[in-house]
C-alpha atoms as a PDB file:
ATOM      1  CA  MET A   1     117.791 -56.078  59.310  1.00  0.00           C
ATOM      2  CA  THR A   2     117.546 -54.965  62.928  1.00  0.00           C
ATOM      3  CA  LEU A   3     114.113 -53.940  64.161  1.00  0.00           C
ATOM      4  CA  GLU A   4     113.750 -50.768  66.217  1.00  0.00           C
ATOM      5  CA  LEU A   5     111.720 -52.198  69.079  1.00  0.00           C
ATOM      6  CA  PRO A   6     110.608 -50.017  71.992  1.00  0.00           C
ATOM      7  CA  SER A   7     112.857 -50.710  74.986  1.00  0.00           C
ATOM      8  CA  PRO A   8     110.425 -52.840  77.068  1.00  0.00           C
ATOM      9  CA  ILE A   9     109.636 -55.018  74.048  1.00  0.00           C
ATOM     10  CA  ALA A  10     113.318 -55.337  73.172  1.00  0.00           C
ATOM     11  CA  ALA A  11     114.051 -56.382  76.769  1.00  0.00           C
ATOM     12  CA  TYR A  12     111.293 -59.018  76.681  1.00  0.00           C
ATOM     13  CA  VAL A  13     112.495 -60.423  73.326  1.00  0.00           C
ATOM     14  CA  ALA A  14     116.133 -60.533  74.499  1.00  0.00           C
ATOM     15  CA  ALA A  15     115.190 -62.312  77.739  1.00  0.00           C
ATOM     16  CA  ASN A  16     113.031 -64.788  75.814  1.00  0.00           C
ATOM     17  CA  ALA A  17     115.992 -65.558  73.535  1.00  0.00           C
ATOM     18  CA  ARG A  18     117.945 -66.512  76.692  1.00  0.00           C
ATOM     19  CA  LEU A  19     114.917 -68.346  78.186  1.00  0.00           C
ATOM     20  CA  ASP A  20     115.403 -66.047  81.188  1.00  0.00           C
ATOM     21  CA  LEU A  21     112.091 -66.219  83.047  1.00  0.00           C
ATOM     22  CA  ASP A  22     112.736 -63.314  85.434  1.00  0.00           C
ATOM     23  CA  GLY A  23     114.059 -61.216  82.554  1.00  0.00           C
ATOM     24  CA  MET A  24     110.915 -61.957  80.546  1.00  0.00           C
ATOM     25  CA  LEU A  25     108.757 -60.688  83.423  1.00  0.00           C
ATOM     26  CA  SER A  26     110.760 -57.563  84.255  1.00  0.00           C
ATOM     27  CA  PRO A  27     109.485 -55.342  81.362  1.00  0.00           C
ATOM     28  CA  PHE A  28     105.855 -55.885  82.450  1.00  0.00           C
ATOM     29  CA  SER A  29     103.970 -53.750  84.965  1.00  0.00           C
ATOM     30  CA  ARG A  30     102.969 -55.610  88.144  1.00  0.00           C
ATOM     31  CA  GLU A  31      99.306 -55.497  87.024  1.00  0.00           C
ATOM     32  CA  ALA A  32      99.985 -56.510  83.419  1.00  0.00           C
ATOM     33  CA  VAL A  33      97.675 -58.889  81.604  1.00  0.00           C
ATOM     34  CA  LEU A  34      98.810 -61.412  78.998  1.00  0.00           C
ATOM     35  CA  PHE A  35      96.285 -63.038  76.659  1.00  0.00           C
ATOM     36  CA  ALA A  36      97.554 -66.302  75.156  1.00  0.00           C
ATOM     37  CA  ASP A  37      96.399 -69.867  74.518  1.00  0.00           C
ATOM     38  CA  GLY A  38      92.792 -68.760  74.942  1.00  0.00           C
ATOM     39  CA  GLY A  39      93.454 -67.611  78.493  1.00  0.00           C
ATOM     40  CA  ARG A  40      93.943 -64.447  80.508  1.00  0.00           C
ATOM     41  CA  HIS A  41      97.065 -64.428  82.684  1.00  0.00           C
ATOM     42  CA  GLU A  42      97.164 -61.587  85.206  1.00  0.00           C
ATOM     43  CA  GLY A  43     100.116 -60.127  87.048  1.00  0.00           C
ATOM     44  CA  TYR A  44     103.533 -61.656  87.549  1.00  0.00           C
ATOM     45  CA  ALA A  45     102.129 -64.852  89.083  1.00  0.00           C
ATOM     46  CA  GLY A  46      99.818 -65.561  86.153  1.00  0.00           C
ATOM     47  CA  MET A  47     102.444 -64.769  83.536  1.00  0.00           C
ATOM     48  CA  ARG A  48     105.129 -66.747  85.380  1.00  0.00           C
ATOM     49  CA  ALA A  49     102.871 -69.807  85.429  1.00  0.00           C
ATOM     50  CA  LEU A  50     102.247 -69.513  81.684  1.00  0.00           C
ATOM     51  CA  PHE A  51     105.956 -69.061  80.877  1.00  0.00           C
ATOM     52  CA  GLU A  52     106.889 -71.991  83.165  1.00  0.00           C
ATOM     53  CA  GLU A  53     104.350 -74.260  81.455  1.00  0.00           C
ATOM     54  CA  ALA A  54     104.310 -73.159  77.814  1.00  0.00           C
ATOM     55  CA  VAL A  55     107.604 -71.402  77.036  1.00  0.00           C
ATOM     56  CA  ILE A  56     110.567 -72.597  79.098  1.00  0.00           C
ATOM     57  CA  PRO A  57     110.017 -76.401  78.870  1.00  0.00           C
ATOM     58  CA  VAL A  58     109.696 -76.349  75.066  1.00  0.00           C
ATOM     59  CA  LYS A  59     112.367 -73.675  74.572  1.00  0.00           C
ATOM     60  CA  ALA A  60     109.923 -71.460  72.636  1.00  0.00           C
ATOM     61  CA  ILE A  61     111.888 -68.487  71.337  1.00  0.00           C
ATOM     62  CA  PHE A  62     110.113 -65.698  69.460  1.00  0.00           C
ATOM     63  CA  THR A  63     112.125 -63.968  66.728  1.00  0.00           C
ATOM     64  CA  PRO A  64     110.347 -60.821  65.550  1.00  0.00           C
ATOM     65  CA  ASP A  65     110.771 -59.834  61.923  1.00  0.00           C
ATOM     66  CA  THR A  66     108.174 -57.061  61.480  1.00  0.00           C
ATOM     67  CA  ILE A  67     106.864 -54.198  63.584  1.00  0.00           C
ATOM     68  CA  ARG A  68     104.060 -51.718  63.047  1.00  0.00           C
ATOM     69  CA  HIS A  69     101.936 -49.347  65.090  1.00  0.00           C
ATOM     70  CA  GLU A  70      98.199 -49.972  64.915  1.00  0.00           C
ATOM     71  CA  ASP A  71      95.350 -48.494  66.999  1.00  0.00           C
ATOM     72  CA  GLY A  72      97.727 -47.354  69.742  1.00  0.00           C
ATOM     73  CA  GLN A  73      99.426 -50.743  69.980  1.00  0.00           C
ATOM     74  CA  VAL A  74     102.843 -51.951  68.933  1.00  0.00           C
ATOM     75  CA  VAL A  75     102.301 -55.035  66.747  1.00  0.00           C
ATOM     76  CA  VAL A  76     105.274 -57.352  66.338  1.00  0.00           C
ATOM     77  CA  GLU A  77     105.206 -60.472  64.169  1.00  0.00           C
ATOM     78  CA  GLY A  78     107.588 -63.333  63.603  1.00  0.00           C
ATOM     79  CA  PRO A  79     108.211 -67.041  64.074  1.00  0.00           C
ATOM     80  CA  ALA A  80     108.685 -68.906  67.328  1.00  0.00           C
ATOM     81  CA  HIS A  81     110.994 -71.899  67.247  1.00  0.00           C
ATOM     82  CA  GLY A  82     111.318 -74.601  69.839  1.00  0.00           C
ATOM     83  CA  ASP A  83     110.741 -78.200  70.831  1.00  0.00           C
ATOM     84  CA  PHE A  84     107.004 -78.157  70.110  1.00  0.00           C
ATOM     85  CA  ARG A  85     104.743 -79.586  67.434  1.00  0.00           C
ATOM     86  CA  GLY A  86     104.574 -77.458  64.284  1.00  0.00           C
ATOM     87  CA  SER A  87     107.723 -75.463  65.071  1.00  0.00           C
ATOM     88  CA  PRO A  88     108.257 -72.877  63.793  1.00  0.00           C
ATOM     89  CA  ILE A  89     104.889 -71.184  64.181  1.00  0.00           C
ATOM     90  CA  ARG A  90     104.309 -67.573  63.153  1.00  0.00           C
ATOM     91  CA  PHE A  91     102.890 -65.385  65.919  1.00  0.00           C
ATOM     92  CA  THR A  92     101.516 -61.882  66.274  1.00  0.00           C
ATOM     93  CA  TYR A  93     102.275 -60.070  69.520  1.00  0.00           C
ATOM     94  CA  ARG A  94     100.139 -56.985  70.285  1.00  0.00           C
ATOM     95  CA  PHE A  95     101.656 -54.826  73.011  1.00  0.00           C
ATOM     96  CA  ASP A  96     100.100 -51.948  74.951  1.00  0.00           C
ATOM     97  CA  LEU A  97     102.796 -49.900  76.624  1.00  0.00           C
ATOM     98  CA  ASP A  98     102.654 -47.562  79.597  1.00  0.00           C
ATOM     99  CA  GLY A  99     105.893 -45.608  79.465  1.00  0.00           C
ATOM    100  CA  ASP A 100     108.733 -48.086  79.831  1.00  0.00           C
ATOM    101  CA  LEU A 101     106.480 -50.974  80.876  1.00  0.00           C
ATOM    102  CA  ILE A 102     104.281 -53.457  79.040  1.00  0.00           C
ATOM    103  CA  LYS A 103     100.718 -53.269  80.398  1.00  0.00           C
ATOM    104  CA  THR A 104      99.055 -55.801  78.073  1.00  0.00           C
ATOM    105  CA  LEU A 105     100.238 -58.392  75.599  1.00  0.00           C
ATOM    106  CA  GLU A 106      98.032 -60.459  73.320  1.00  0.00           C
ATOM    107  CA  ILE A 107      99.696 -63.379  71.521  1.00  0.00           C
ATOM    108  CA  THR A 108      97.961 -65.060  68.577  1.00  0.00           C
ATOM    109  CA  ALA A 109      99.113 -67.577  65.995  1.00  0.00           C
END
């Protein structure tokens, strides 16, 4: 089954599958905020640092298997596989979109 993901989310997921750091950042607005690992990561610099520390080194690839719309957000769930303890771990990604850009993303396990 292929999920019908909004284009900025599809671009992020595809770039993550390639572990393409710049591609992962490109669907976000410059002022975007990412909430993950108990922290708030603001803008490209904050998100880049998180991806460089927590995604790329452990080859964490998120594979969405469900999507729903809830309270104005796009909620995508699925496992992330990689070279990290407990892999795979199921995650929930909550996206707020602004047109063709991601303005916020909250990632929870």
